[in-house]
Amino acid sequence: MKKLIYHTLFAASFFLLVLSSCKKVTDKNDINNIKDELVWRDTVLTTAFANNLYLDIPAWNLAMDTYTEETRGGGPVTNGTVTPDATINYWPFVSIRKINTMIKELPASSGSSQLKNRLTGEAKFLRAYQYFQMVRRSGGVPIIAVPQELTDDIFVSRDKTSDCINFIVKDLDEAIALLPSVSSTANVGRASKEAALSLKARVLMDWASPRYNPTQDPGRWDLAYKASTAALTALNAKGYGLFDNYGSIFLTEMNKEVVFAIRYSNPGRTHNRDASVRPISVSVNATGGCQPTQELVDAYPMKDGSDVNTALTYQQRFSGRDDRFYATIVYNGATYFGRKQWTFVNSGIDGYKDVNGTYTGYYSKKAIDTTLTAPQGGTSGADYVAIRYADILLMEAEAANELGNTAPAYAALTKLRARAKITPGANNLYGLTPAMDMGTMRSRIQKERLVEFAFEHIRFFDLLRWNTLSSTLHGKTRKGLKLVSTTPGVAPNVATVFTESLEAIDLQPMIIQTNSPFYPIPRSIIQNNQNLKQTKGWESGSFDPLL
C-alpha cells in the first residue's frame, strides 16, 4: 500500500503551495488563507510542503525512449532539426525556488531536529537531482542556492559545468550526512542515504565519461569508481540487491532493487503510460509507445549468453532468449494478456502498420500491469524506478574497466546474466568471452546496458555521456519486422508459416546533429535574460559547456 506521499498529504501540499483555502488540514480550526509563515510553524504543513517537491521530479516520459534506436520517433533529436526553438532543454527553476525556500526556512521551523535534518537532506537530494537533469542536457546552468527576491538581480548568468557538478556533489554529500536509511517499513518513497550515494555515483559517472572528459582523465574515473563502490557497499549492507524476477521489477513496488522511485498510486496520482504502450485491443484511446525496433530485439542474448544469429529465421530467433527478452519484447505469437498476440500484416487492429497497430512488428511489456482492464490502463499506479541496484552495479563495472580492472566488470555482468537465467556454461562466464581487453569489455558493458535498461529513459543519456549518439545513430535506419501469412484469411496458430522481411520504420535515416555535444537553451529563456549565453554551436553561442 502506498501511504507516504501521494495520498492524504497530496491535497494539503497542493493547497498549501497555491495558498488556497482548506479546512482542518491540521488540528487548528478553520484555516482560510494559509500564510507562508504558518507553513514553517506546523510540522504537518512543513512535511506536506516537502512532499510536494517530489511531484516535480521528471518520471515516465515516452518521448525519451524515441531519441535512440529503442523505438520509433524522436522528433528534432533524430531528424536533425534541433534548434533553440525546438530543443529538449529542462528548466525547473520554479521547483528549485521551492526547494531553496524550504532549505532557508527549515532551521527556524517547528519540529524536532531529527525531522528538520531529514527534510533538509531530502531538499538537498532533490535540488541535486533537478540540477543534474539540467546539466546532463545543456551543461552549465545558473547556480541559485537561495530563494531570490524581487529586489535581487534575477538576471543571472550560466555557471561553468564544472562548478555545477561540484555544487551537485556538495548537495549530495550534505544529503548523505543528513538522510536516514530507508527500510521497507519506514519512509518508503522518500530520498534516503542510499539514494543520495547512488545519485552521486551517477553524477560522477557522467563527469568521468567522454562527453565531459574528452582527455579521459583517470582521476575522474577513480572518483566515479569510488562513488559507485561506496553506494554498493551501503546498498548491500541494507539488504538491497538484484530482484529475482526481472519482469516484476516495476510491478512489485519498492522491492529490494529499487533505490529511488517516483511514486504513483490509484487513487491519488496516476499516469497513462500503461495505456500508451499497450496494443490498442487492450487499451482505450492510446497506443503506439515503446514499440521495440529490430535493432533492440537483436541486442538481447540467447539463453547460452551468445549474441543472436540474425541469419536465423524469426521463429528460431524468438526461441531460447534470455529472460529480459521475454519480459520486455512482445513478438508475433507471444502470449500477452492471456492470449496470443499477433502482429503480422492484416492480423487485426494490433497488426503490422494497421491504423493503430504496431509499426515495428513488436510491442513492449516492460512495466505493463496486465491485471488492469483497458479503461484502467489510463490510470496506472506503476512507479517509475529512477535508480535501481543494477545500474549502480554496472556503473562500478564500467568505471573499474576504464581504470584497467576488468574483474568487477565480469562480476557484475555475470550477476545480471544469472538473474536473466542465462546458463553459466563450462567456465561460469554466462556466455562472456574470457580475458576481454578494456575496449572489448567496454562494448560489452554498453550492450548490456541497452538490454538491461530498455525503455527506462537511460539509453539516451548513456549515448550522450559516451559521446556516441551520432556514431551509433546517424545515418542508420531503424527497422521493423514485417510478417505476412502464407495462408491469408485463415486463423493463425503456432504452425502458421509467415514470410518475413525487414522494413524501414522512418521515412529517412536518422540525422544526429553534431553542432555540440550539449543541447541549446530555449530561445524564449535566452530572450528573457540577456545575461544567459547560448551554448557554443547553436546560433552564435559563446558558452563552453566543457569548462
Protein backbone atom coordinates (compact mmCIF):
# COMPACT_ATOMS: atom_id res chain seq x y z
CA MET A 1 0.00 0.00 0.00
CA LYS A 2 1.27 3.46 -0.86
CA LYS A 3 0.79 5.75 2.11
CA LEU A 4 3.61 8.20 2.09
CA ILE A 5 3.47 10.99 -0.44
CA TYR A 6 0.60 10.74 -2.87
CA HIS A 7 -2.38 10.00 -0.63
CA THR A 8 -3.53 12.02 2.35
CA LEU A 9 -0.87 14.72 2.11
CA PHE A 10 -1.19 15.39 -1.59
CA ALA A 11 -4.18 17.69 -1.24
CA ALA A 12 -2.65 19.51 1.71
CA SER A 13 0.59 20.18 -0.13
CA PHE A 14 -1.23 21.35 -3.22
CA PHE A 15 -3.44 23.79 -1.36
CA LEU A 16 -0.53 24.97 0.69
CA LEU A 17 1.51 25.96 -2.31
CA VAL A 18 -1.23 27.79 -4.15
CA LEU A 19 -2.41 29.41 -0.92
CA SER A 20 -5.95 28.21 -1.46
CA SER A 21 -8.47 27.77 1.31
CA CYS A 22 -8.80 24.45 3.08
CA LYS A 23 -10.36 23.08 6.23
CA LYS A 24 -8.79 21.20 9.09
CA VAL A 25 -5.54 20.29 7.37
CA THR A 26 -4.08 20.45 10.88
CA ASP A 27 -5.58 20.38 14.35
CA LYS A 28 -6.24 24.12 14.10
CA ASN A 29 -9.75 25.32 13.47
CA ASP A 30 -10.71 26.54 10.03
CA ILE A 31 -7.67 27.73 8.02
CA ASN A 32 -8.84 30.05 5.26
CA ASN A 33 -5.76 31.55 3.68
CA ILE A 34 -2.64 29.69 4.72
CA LYS A 35 0.13 32.22 5.03
CA ASP A 36 3.68 31.31 4.14
CA GLU A 37 4.93 31.73 7.69
CA LEU A 38 2.34 29.25 9.00
CA VAL A 39 3.87 26.51 6.89
CA TRP A 40 7.02 26.50 8.99
CA ARG A 41 5.18 26.57 12.32
CA ASP A 42 3.35 23.31 11.77
CA THR A 43 5.14 20.03 11.08
CA VAL A 44 2.19 18.64 9.13
CA LEU A 45 2.27 21.59 6.73
CA THR A 46 6.07 21.54 6.56
CA THR A 47 6.03 17.85 5.64
CA ALA A 48 3.29 18.48 3.11
CA PHE A 49 5.45 21.17 1.51
CA ALA A 50 8.32 18.67 1.30
CA ASN A 51 6.04 16.02 -0.21
CA ASN A 52 5.03 18.41 -2.96
CA LEU A 53 8.64 18.73 -4.10
CA TYR A 54 8.63 15.08 -5.18
CA LEU A 55 5.81 15.81 -7.63
CA ASP A 56 8.19 17.97 -9.68
CA ILE A 57 10.72 15.21 -10.39
CA PRO A 58 10.53 14.01 -14.02
CA ALA A 59 9.25 10.47 -14.34
CA TRP A 60 7.60 8.47 -17.13
CA ASN A 61 8.34 10.18 -20.46
CA LEU A 62 7.85 8.05 -23.56
CA ALA A 63 9.48 10.68 -25.76
CA MET A 64 12.85 10.00 -24.11
CA ASP A 65 12.88 6.45 -25.49
CA THR A 66 12.26 7.67 -29.05
CA TYR A 67 15.59 9.53 -29.08
CA THR A 68 17.50 6.28 -29.58
CA GLU A 69 17.28 3.03 -31.54
CA GLU A 70 14.94 1.50 -28.94
CA THR A 71 11.76 2.59 -30.71
CA ARG A 72 10.49 4.84 -33.47
CA GLY A 73 10.04 8.61 -33.35
CA GLY A 74 12.38 11.16 -31.82
CA GLY A 75 11.31 14.40 -33.46
CA PRO A 76 14.09 17.01 -33.75
CA VAL A 77 16.61 14.76 -31.98
CA THR A 78 16.59 12.07 -34.67
CA ASN A 79 15.58 14.08 -37.73
CA GLY A 80 18.29 16.71 -37.40
CA THR A 81 16.13 19.73 -36.67
CA VAL A 82 17.13 20.70 -33.13
CA THR A 83 17.24 24.48 -32.73
CA PRO A 84 16.83 26.86 -29.78
CA ASP A 85 13.13 26.81 -30.76
CA ALA A 86 12.95 23.01 -30.77
CA THR A 87 15.18 21.53 -28.12
CA ILE A 88 14.98 19.12 -25.18
CA ASN A 89 16.07 21.58 -22.52
CA TYR A 90 14.81 21.18 -18.97
CA TRP A 91 14.47 24.32 -16.83
CA PRO A 92 12.89 23.56 -13.40
CA PHE A 93 13.73 26.78 -11.59
CA VAL A 94 10.20 27.13 -10.18
CA SER A 95 10.75 23.84 -8.40
CA ILE A 96 14.25 24.87 -7.36
CA ARG A 97 12.89 28.05 -5.81
CA LYS A 98 10.54 25.95 -3.67
CA ILE A 99 13.45 23.74 -2.63
CA ASN A 100 15.58 26.77 -1.77
CA THR A 101 12.73 28.23 0.27
CA MET A 102 12.47 25.05 2.28
CA ILE A 103 16.22 24.87 2.93
CA LYS A 104 16.17 28.51 4.09
CA GLU A 105 13.15 28.18 6.38
CA LEU A 106 13.76 24.79 7.97
CA PRO A 107 16.38 25.84 10.58
CA ALA A 108 13.90 28.17 12.31
CA SER A 109 10.85 25.98 11.72
CA SER A 110 8.93 23.93 14.25
CA GLY A 111 9.66 20.27 14.75
CA SER A 112 12.42 18.10 16.06
CA SER A 113 16.00 18.42 14.90
CA GLN A 114 15.65 14.88 13.52
CA LEU A 115 12.74 15.94 11.29
CA LYS A 116 14.46 19.13 10.16
CA ASN A 117 17.66 17.27 9.34
CA ARG A 118 15.78 14.68 7.32
CA LEU A 119 13.76 17.23 5.37
CA THR A 120 16.89 19.32 4.72
CA GLY A 121 18.61 16.19 3.42
CA GLU A 122 15.64 15.45 1.16
CA ALA A 123 15.68 19.01 -0.18
CA LYS A 124 19.41 18.83 -0.92
CA PHE A 125 18.90 15.50 -2.71
CA LEU A 126 16.01 16.85 -4.78
CA ARG A 127 17.91 20.02 -5.70
CA ALA A 128 20.87 17.92 -6.82
CA TYR A 129 18.52 15.70 -8.83
CA GLN A 130 16.94 18.68 -10.59
CA TYR A 131 20.29 20.32 -11.34
CA PHE A 132 21.66 17.10 -12.73
CA GLN A 133 18.71 16.84 -15.11
CA MET A 134 19.60 20.28 -16.47
CA VAL A 135 23.36 19.80 -16.67
CA ARG A 136 23.18 16.47 -18.49
CA ARG A 137 21.15 18.18 -21.22
CA SER A 138 22.78 21.59 -21.58
CA GLY A 139 25.94 21.75 -19.48
CA GLY A 140 26.38 24.60 -17.01
CA VAL A 141 23.32 26.50 -15.81
CA PRO A 142 22.84 29.27 -13.23
CA ILE A 143 23.56 28.11 -9.69
CA ILE A 144 20.86 29.58 -7.49
CA ALA A 145 21.09 28.36 -3.90
CA VAL A 146 18.70 30.81 -2.20
CA PRO A 147 15.12 31.88 -2.97
CA GLN A 148 15.51 35.06 -4.99
CA GLU A 149 13.54 38.14 -4.04
CA LEU A 150 12.17 40.79 -6.38
CA THR A 151 14.84 43.14 -5.13
CA ASP A 152 17.61 40.72 -6.17
CA ASP A 153 19.36 40.77 -9.51
CA ILE A 154 17.39 37.97 -11.11
CA PHE A 155 19.21 38.20 -14.46
CA VAL A 156 21.77 35.57 -13.57
CA SER A 157 24.36 34.08 -15.90
CA ARG A 158 25.29 30.46 -16.51
CA ASP A 159 27.89 28.93 -14.22
CA LYS A 160 30.60 26.63 -15.55
CA THR A 161 29.67 22.99 -15.92
CA SER A 162 32.47 22.03 -13.52
CA ASP A 163 31.06 24.40 -10.89
CA CYS A 164 27.61 22.89 -11.36
CA ILE A 165 28.96 19.37 -10.90
CA ASN A 166 30.76 20.49 -7.72
CA PHE A 167 27.55 22.12 -6.48
CA ILE A 168 25.55 18.94 -7.13
CA VAL A 169 28.12 16.72 -5.42
CA LYS A 170 28.26 19.08 -2.42
CA ASP A 171 24.48 18.93 -2.07
CA LEU A 172 24.62 15.14 -2.23
CA ASP A 173 27.43 14.89 0.32
CA GLU A 174 25.39 17.04 2.69
CA ALA A 175 22.29 14.95 1.97
CA ILE A 176 24.23 11.74 2.69
CA ALA A 177 25.21 13.13 6.09
CA LEU A 178 21.63 14.10 6.97
CA LEU A 179 19.41 11.41 5.47
CA PRO A 180 18.45 8.18 7.20
CA SER A 181 18.47 4.82 5.52
CA VAL A 182 15.11 3.69 4.15
CA SER A 183 13.68 0.33 5.07
CA SER A 184 10.65 -1.49 3.72
CA THR A 185 8.56 -0.18 6.63
CA ALA A 186 9.71 3.40 7.20
CA ASN A 187 9.97 6.46 4.94
CA VAL A 188 9.22 4.37 1.85
CA GLY A 189 9.38 6.52 -1.27
CA ARG A 190 11.46 9.29 0.24
CA ALA A 191 15.04 10.16 -0.59
CA SER A 192 17.44 8.11 1.51
CA LYS A 193 21.13 7.95 2.35
CA GLU A 194 21.46 5.09 -0.16
CA ALA A 195 19.65 7.05 -2.87
CA ALA A 196 21.96 10.03 -2.37
CA LEU A 197 25.05 7.81 -2.54
CA SER A 198 23.71 6.23 -5.74
CA LEU A 199 22.87 9.55 -7.38
CA LYS A 200 26.35 10.80 -6.54
CA ALA A 201 27.78 7.77 -8.34
CA ARG A 202 25.64 8.52 -11.39
CA VAL A 203 26.69 12.18 -11.46
CA LEU A 204 30.39 11.31 -11.22
CA MET A 205 29.98 8.63 -13.91
CA ASP A 206 28.68 11.29 -16.27
CA TRP A 207 31.54 13.60 -15.29
CA ALA A 208 34.10 10.87 -16.00
CA SER A 209 32.59 9.82 -19.34
CA PRO A 210 33.99 11.04 -22.69
CA ARG A 211 31.40 13.75 -23.27
CA TYR A 212 32.65 15.74 -20.26
CA ASN A 213 36.06 14.12 -20.11
CA PRO A 214 37.46 14.06 -23.67
CA THR A 215 41.04 13.65 -22.43
CA GLN A 216 39.98 10.63 -20.33
CA ASP A 217 41.44 11.97 -17.08
CA PRO A 218 41.81 8.80 -14.93
CA GLY A 219 41.24 10.86 -11.79
CA ARG A 220 37.61 11.33 -12.75
CA TRP A 221 37.16 7.61 -13.38
CA ASP A 222 38.69 6.93 -9.98
CA LEU A 223 36.16 9.24 -8.32
CA ALA A 224 33.34 7.51 -10.19
CA TYR A 225 34.62 4.08 -9.18
CA LYS A 226 34.95 5.04 -5.52
CA ALA A 227 31.48 6.62 -5.51
CA SER A 228 29.81 3.59 -7.08
CA THR A 229 31.68 1.24 -4.73
CA ALA A 230 30.59 3.31 -1.72
CA ALA A 231 26.99 3.21 -2.95
CA LEU A 232 27.08 -0.56 -3.47
CA THR A 233 28.63 -1.10 -0.04
CA ALA A 234 25.83 0.88 1.60
CA LEU A 235 23.15 -0.81 -0.50
CA ASN A 236 24.44 -4.28 0.28
CA ALA A 237 24.57 -3.50 3.99
CA LYS A 238 20.89 -2.53 3.94
CA GLY A 239 19.68 -5.56 2.02
CA TYR A 240 19.38 -4.08 -1.43
CA GLY A 241 20.25 -6.29 -4.38
CA LEU A 242 19.04 -7.73 -7.67
CA PHE A 243 15.36 -8.68 -7.56
CA ASP A 244 14.96 -12.28 -8.64
CA ASN A 245 12.21 -11.68 -11.21
CA TYR A 246 13.35 -9.18 -13.84
CA GLY A 247 9.87 -8.81 -15.30
CA SER A 248 8.42 -7.73 -11.96
CA ILE A 249 10.93 -5.02 -11.02
CA PHE A 250 8.44 -2.26 -11.87
CA LEU A 251 5.34 -4.12 -10.71
CA THR A 252 6.47 -5.37 -7.29
CA GLU A 253 6.63 -1.99 -5.64
CA MET A 254 9.68 -0.91 -3.66
CA ASN A 255 11.35 -4.31 -3.96
CA LYS A 256 14.97 -4.74 -2.94
CA GLU A 257 16.31 -3.50 -6.28
CA VAL A 258 14.52 -0.14 -6.09
CA VAL A 259 16.83 2.54 -4.70
CA PHE A 260 14.70 5.56 -5.60
CA ALA A 261 11.32 5.66 -7.30
CA ILE A 262 8.89 8.35 -8.36
CA ARG A 263 5.75 7.02 -6.76
CA TYR A 264 2.28 6.74 -8.22
CA SER A 265 -0.94 5.44 -6.73
CA ASN A 266 -4.51 4.90 -7.85
CA PRO A 267 -6.37 6.72 -6.43
CA GLY A 268 -4.12 9.70 -5.90
CA ARG A 269 -1.53 10.20 -8.58
CA THR A 270 -1.73 8.16 -11.79
CA HIS A 271 -0.33 8.17 -15.32
CA ASN A 272 -1.39 6.84 -18.73
CA ARG A 273 1.93 5.26 -19.72
CA ASP A 274 0.40 1.78 -19.42
CA ALA A 275 -2.36 2.62 -21.90
CA SER A 276 0.05 4.37 -24.27
CA VAL A 277 2.27 1.29 -24.56
CA ARG A 278 -0.36 -1.45 -24.79
CA PRO A 279 -1.77 -2.72 -28.10
CA ILE A 280 -4.97 -0.87 -28.99
CA SER A 281 -7.02 -4.05 -28.50
CA VAL A 282 -6.35 -3.83 -24.76
CA SER A 283 -6.24 -0.05 -24.44
CA VAL A 284 -8.58 2.91 -24.79
CA ASN A 285 -7.74 5.97 -26.90
CA ALA A 286 -4.00 5.42 -26.60
CA THR A 287 -1.38 3.15 -28.14
CA GLY A 288 1.89 3.14 -30.03
CA GLY A 289 4.51 3.87 -27.39
CA CYS A 290 7.72 1.93 -26.90
CA GLN A 291 7.29 -0.42 -29.87
CA PRO A 292 10.67 -2.19 -29.97
CA THR A 293 12.78 -1.94 -33.12
CA GLN A 294 14.54 -4.89 -34.69
CA GLU A 295 17.81 -3.33 -33.52
CA LEU A 296 16.71 -3.59 -29.89
CA VAL A 297 15.24 -7.07 -30.35
CA ASP A 298 18.51 -8.35 -31.82
CA ALA A 299 20.54 -6.95 -28.91
CA TYR A 300 19.20 -9.48 -26.38
CA PRO A 301 21.45 -12.52 -25.81
CA MET A 302 20.49 -16.12 -26.34
CA LYS A 303 19.97 -18.43 -23.38
CA ASP A 304 23.61 -19.53 -23.55
CA GLY A 305 24.76 -15.90 -23.44
CA SER A 306 25.83 -15.69 -27.07
CA ASP A 307 24.73 -12.91 -29.38
CA VAL A 308 21.75 -13.72 -31.59
CA ASN A 309 22.43 -15.03 -35.08
CA THR A 310 20.42 -12.66 -37.29
CA ALA A 311 20.66 -15.13 -40.18
CA LEU A 312 18.23 -17.45 -38.39
CA THR A 313 14.50 -17.37 -39.09
CA TYR A 314 12.35 -15.25 -36.81
CA GLN A 315 10.94 -18.38 -35.12
CA GLN A 316 14.47 -19.51 -34.28
CA ARG A 317 15.45 -16.04 -33.08
CA PHE A 318 12.46 -15.85 -30.73
CA SER A 319 13.26 -19.18 -29.13
CA GLY A 320 15.83 -19.63 -26.39
CA ARG A 321 16.46 -15.99 -25.47
CA ASP A 322 17.30 -14.64 -22.02
CA ASP A 323 14.55 -13.72 -19.55
CA ARG A 324 14.92 -9.98 -20.17
CA PHE A 325 13.82 -10.54 -23.76
CA TYR A 326 10.59 -12.25 -22.75
CA ALA A 327 9.94 -9.69 -20.01
CA THR A 328 10.25 -6.81 -22.48
CA ILE A 329 9.51 -7.93 -26.06
CA VAL A 330 6.07 -8.97 -27.32
CA TYR A 331 6.55 -10.68 -30.69
CA ASN A 332 4.20 -12.29 -33.18
CA GLY A 333 2.53 -15.23 -31.47
CA ALA A 334 3.74 -14.40 -27.95
CA THR A 335 1.34 -14.85 -25.06
CA TYR A 336 0.23 -11.45 -23.82
CA PHE A 337 -2.83 -10.52 -21.74
CA GLY A 338 -3.65 -14.22 -21.56
CA ARG A 339 -3.97 -14.73 -25.33
CA LYS A 340 -1.81 -14.95 -28.41
CA GLN A 341 -0.65 -11.54 -29.57
CA TRP A 342 -0.49 -11.49 -33.36
CA THR A 343 1.35 -8.67 -35.10
CA PHE A 344 1.56 -9.88 -38.72
CA VAL A 345 0.09 -7.95 -41.63
CA ASN A 346 -3.73 -7.93 -41.61
CA SER A 347 -3.89 -9.71 -38.26
CA GLY A 348 -6.37 -7.16 -36.90
CA ILE A 349 -6.24 -3.79 -35.21
CA ASP A 350 -2.94 -4.65 -33.49
CA GLY A 351 -1.35 -5.80 -36.74
CA TYR A 352 1.68 -4.51 -38.59
CA LYS A 353 1.12 -0.93 -39.78
CA ASP A 354 -2.61 -1.09 -39.23
CA VAL A 355 -4.05 2.34 -38.38
CA ASN A 356 -3.42 1.82 -34.65
CA GLY A 357 -1.21 -1.23 -34.94
CA THR A 358 2.48 -1.81 -34.45
CA TYR A 359 4.91 -0.11 -36.82
CA THR A 360 7.78 -2.36 -35.80
CA GLY A 361 6.15 -5.79 -35.56
CA TYR A 362 6.56 -5.76 -31.78
CA TYR A 363 5.09 -4.38 -28.57
CA SER A 364 6.77 -3.79 -25.21
CA LYS A 365 5.56 -5.29 -21.95
CA LYS A 366 8.03 -3.65 -19.55
CA ALA A 367 6.19 -2.18 -16.54
CA ILE A 368 2.81 -3.04 -18.05
CA ASP A 369 0.29 -4.30 -15.50
CA THR A 370 -1.75 -6.89 -17.38
CA THR A 371 -4.20 -7.20 -14.49
CA LEU A 372 -5.62 -3.77 -15.37
CA THR A 373 -8.54 -3.62 -17.77
CA ALA A 374 -8.34 -1.50 -20.91
CA PRO A 375 -10.06 1.53 -19.26
CA GLN A 376 -7.92 1.14 -16.12
CA GLY A 377 -4.73 1.31 -18.19
CA GLY A 378 -5.16 5.08 -18.45
CA THR A 379 -4.87 5.50 -14.69
CA SER A 380 -1.93 3.28 -13.83
CA GLY A 381 -0.26 3.48 -10.46
CA ALA A 382 3.00 1.80 -11.51
CA ASP A 383 6.00 3.59 -10.01
CA TYR A 384 8.80 4.99 -12.15
CA VAL A 385 12.00 3.42 -10.85
CA ALA A 386 14.51 6.25 -11.23
CA ILE A 387 17.51 4.46 -9.66
CA ARG A 388 17.89 0.72 -9.27
CA TYR A 389 20.61 -1.54 -7.95
CA ALA A 390 21.55 -2.98 -11.37
CA ASP A 391 22.50 0.49 -12.61
CA ILE A 392 24.92 1.05 -9.74
CA LEU A 393 26.36 -2.42 -10.29
CA LEU A 394 27.09 -1.66 -13.94
CA MET A 395 28.45 1.80 -13.13
CA GLU A 396 31.04 0.27 -10.82
CA ALA A 397 31.86 -2.25 -13.56
CA GLU A 398 32.29 0.46 -16.18
CA ALA A 399 34.46 2.69 -14.01
CA ALA A 400 36.65 -0.24 -12.97
CA ASN A 401 37.12 -1.27 -16.59
CA GLU A 402 38.16 2.25 -17.58
CA LEU A 403 40.79 2.05 -14.84
CA GLY A 404 42.13 -1.20 -16.34
CA ASN A 405 40.43 -3.62 -13.95
CA THR A 406 38.02 -5.99 -15.68
CA ALA A 407 37.36 -8.21 -12.63
CA PRO A 408 34.46 -6.09 -11.24
CA ALA A 409 33.04 -5.89 -14.76
CA TYR A 410 32.98 -9.67 -15.12
CA ALA A 411 31.44 -9.97 -11.65
CA ALA A 412 28.65 -7.50 -12.44
CA LEU A 413 27.84 -8.92 -15.87
CA THR A 414 27.67 -12.49 -14.63
CA LYS A 415 25.29 -11.46 -11.82
CA LEU A 416 22.95 -9.75 -14.27
CA ARG A 417 23.11 -12.64 -16.72
CA ALA A 418 22.47 -15.17 -13.98
CA ARG A 419 19.36 -13.18 -12.99
CA ALA A 420 18.31 -13.27 -16.68
CA LYS A 421 18.53 -17.09 -16.48
CA ILE A 422 21.41 -17.35 -18.94
CA THR A 423 23.18 -20.66 -18.49
CA PRO A 424 26.58 -20.39 -16.75
CA GLY A 425 28.46 -22.58 -19.22
CA ALA A 426 31.54 -24.67 -18.52
CA ASN A 427 33.58 -21.66 -17.37
CA ASN A 428 30.78 -19.94 -15.39
CA LEU A 429 31.08 -16.81 -17.55
CA TYR A 430 27.46 -16.90 -18.76
CA GLY A 431 28.45 -16.58 -22.39
CA LEU A 432 31.05 -13.85 -21.87
CA THR A 433 34.34 -14.06 -23.71
CA PRO A 434 37.20 -14.72 -21.28
CA ALA A 435 40.08 -12.27 -20.87
CA MET A 436 38.43 -9.34 -22.67
CA ASP A 437 40.57 -6.24 -23.05
CA MET A 438 39.33 -2.81 -21.99
CA GLY A 439 37.80 -1.89 -25.34
CA THR A 440 36.01 -5.20 -25.81
CA MET A 441 34.68 -5.10 -22.26
CA ARG A 442 33.56 -1.50 -22.75
CA SER A 443 31.48 -2.55 -25.77
CA ARG A 444 30.02 -5.48 -23.85
CA ILE A 445 29.01 -3.29 -20.89
CA GLN A 446 27.40 -0.79 -23.24
CA LYS A 447 25.38 -3.52 -24.99
CA GLU A 448 24.38 -4.99 -21.63
CA ARG A 449 23.10 -1.60 -20.51
CA LEU A 450 20.96 -1.34 -23.64
CA VAL A 451 19.03 -4.54 -22.91
CA GLU A 452 19.03 -4.26 -19.12
CA PHE A 453 17.54 -0.74 -19.09
CA ALA A 454 15.43 -0.72 -22.27
CA PHE A 455 12.58 1.82 -22.04
CA GLU A 456 13.78 3.17 -18.68
CA HIS A 457 14.93 6.54 -20.13
CA ILE A 458 18.59 5.62 -19.63
CA ARG A 459 19.83 4.77 -23.13
CA PHE A 460 19.67 8.34 -24.46
CA PHE A 461 21.73 9.72 -21.59
CA ASP A 462 24.18 6.83 -21.88
CA LEU A 463 24.78 7.62 -25.56
CA LEU A 464 25.21 11.30 -24.68
CA ARG A 465 27.76 10.70 -21.92
CA TRP A 466 29.70 8.21 -24.06
CA ASN A 467 29.66 10.84 -26.84
CA THR A 468 28.38 8.15 -29.21
CA LEU A 469 24.88 9.40 -30.03
CA SER A 470 25.93 10.38 -33.54
CA SER A 471 28.22 7.42 -34.26
CA THR A 472 25.56 4.99 -33.04
CA LEU A 473 22.52 6.51 -34.75
CA HIS A 474 23.45 8.93 -37.53
CA GLY A 475 22.63 7.62 -40.98
CA LYS A 476 21.04 4.46 -39.56
CA THR A 477 17.54 3.37 -40.46
CA ARG A 478 15.56 1.78 -37.66
CA LYS A 479 13.77 -1.32 -38.86
CA GLY A 480 10.69 -3.35 -38.08
CA LEU A 481 9.78 -6.97 -38.80
CA LYS A 482 7.10 -7.42 -41.45
CA LEU A 483 5.45 -10.83 -41.35
CA VAL A 484 2.90 -11.97 -43.95
CA SER A 485 0.86 -15.13 -43.53
CA THR A 486 1.18 -17.69 -46.33
CA THR A 487 -2.44 -18.67 -45.66
CA PRO A 488 -4.27 -15.32 -45.64
CA GLY A 489 -7.75 -15.40 -44.22
CA VAL A 490 -7.05 -18.48 -42.11
CA ALA A 491 -6.93 -18.06 -38.33
CA PRO A 492 -3.26 -18.23 -37.27
CA ASN A 493 -1.81 -20.82 -34.94
CA VAL A 494 1.64 -21.98 -33.87
CA ALA A 495 2.01 -23.90 -37.15
CA THR A 496 1.21 -20.92 -39.40
CA VAL A 497 4.03 -20.10 -41.80
CA PHE A 498 4.92 -16.44 -42.38
CA THR A 499 7.22 -14.80 -44.86
CA GLU A 500 9.46 -12.24 -43.21
CA SER A 501 11.25 -9.08 -44.28
CA LEU A 502 12.75 -6.04 -42.59
CA GLU A 503 11.29 -2.65 -43.38
CA ALA A 504 12.38 0.86 -42.54
CA ILE A 505 10.30 2.44 -39.79
CA ASP A 506 11.35 6.02 -40.53
CA LEU A 507 10.87 7.93 -43.76
CA GLN A 508 14.58 8.67 -43.82
CA PRO A 509 17.71 7.59 -41.94
CA MET A 510 18.25 9.22 -38.58
CA ILE A 511 20.08 12.54 -38.61
CA ILE A 512 22.01 13.44 -35.47
CA GLN A 513 23.43 16.95 -35.44
CA THR A 514 26.99 17.50 -34.29
CA ASN A 515 26.73 21.22 -33.50
CA SER A 516 27.61 20.47 -29.90
CA PRO A 517 27.52 17.50 -27.53
CA PHE A 518 25.07 19.59 -25.45
CA TYR A 519 21.61 20.86 -26.36
CA PRO A 520 20.75 24.55 -26.66
CA ILE A 521 18.92 26.65 -24.10
CA PRO A 522 15.46 27.56 -25.49
CA ARG A 523 15.32 30.91 -27.26
CA SER A 524 12.44 32.06 -25.02
CA ILE A 525 14.61 31.66 -21.91
CA ILE A 526 17.56 33.46 -23.51
CA GLN A 527 15.32 36.32 -24.61
CA ASN A 528 14.04 36.77 -21.06
CA ASN A 529 17.55 37.09 -19.64
CA GLN A 530 20.24 38.84 -21.66
CA ASN A 531 22.93 37.50 -19.29
CA LEU A 532 22.29 33.91 -20.34
CA LYS A 533 24.64 32.93 -23.15
CA GLN A 534 23.71 30.30 -25.68
CA THR A 535 25.74 27.09 -25.88
CA LYS A 536 28.58 27.02 -28.40
CA GLY A 537 27.48 25.52 -31.68
CA TRP A 538 23.97 26.92 -31.54
CA GLU A 539 23.20 30.32 -33.10
CA SER A 540 26.45 32.14 -32.30
CA GLY A 541 26.53 30.71 -28.81
CA SER A 542 29.57 31.56 -26.69
CA PHE A 543 29.06 29.39 -23.57
CA ASP A 544 31.52 26.49 -23.47
CA PRO A 545 29.86 23.55 -21.63
CA LEU A 546 33.17 21.67 -21.33
CA LEU A 547 34.64 24.13 -18.85
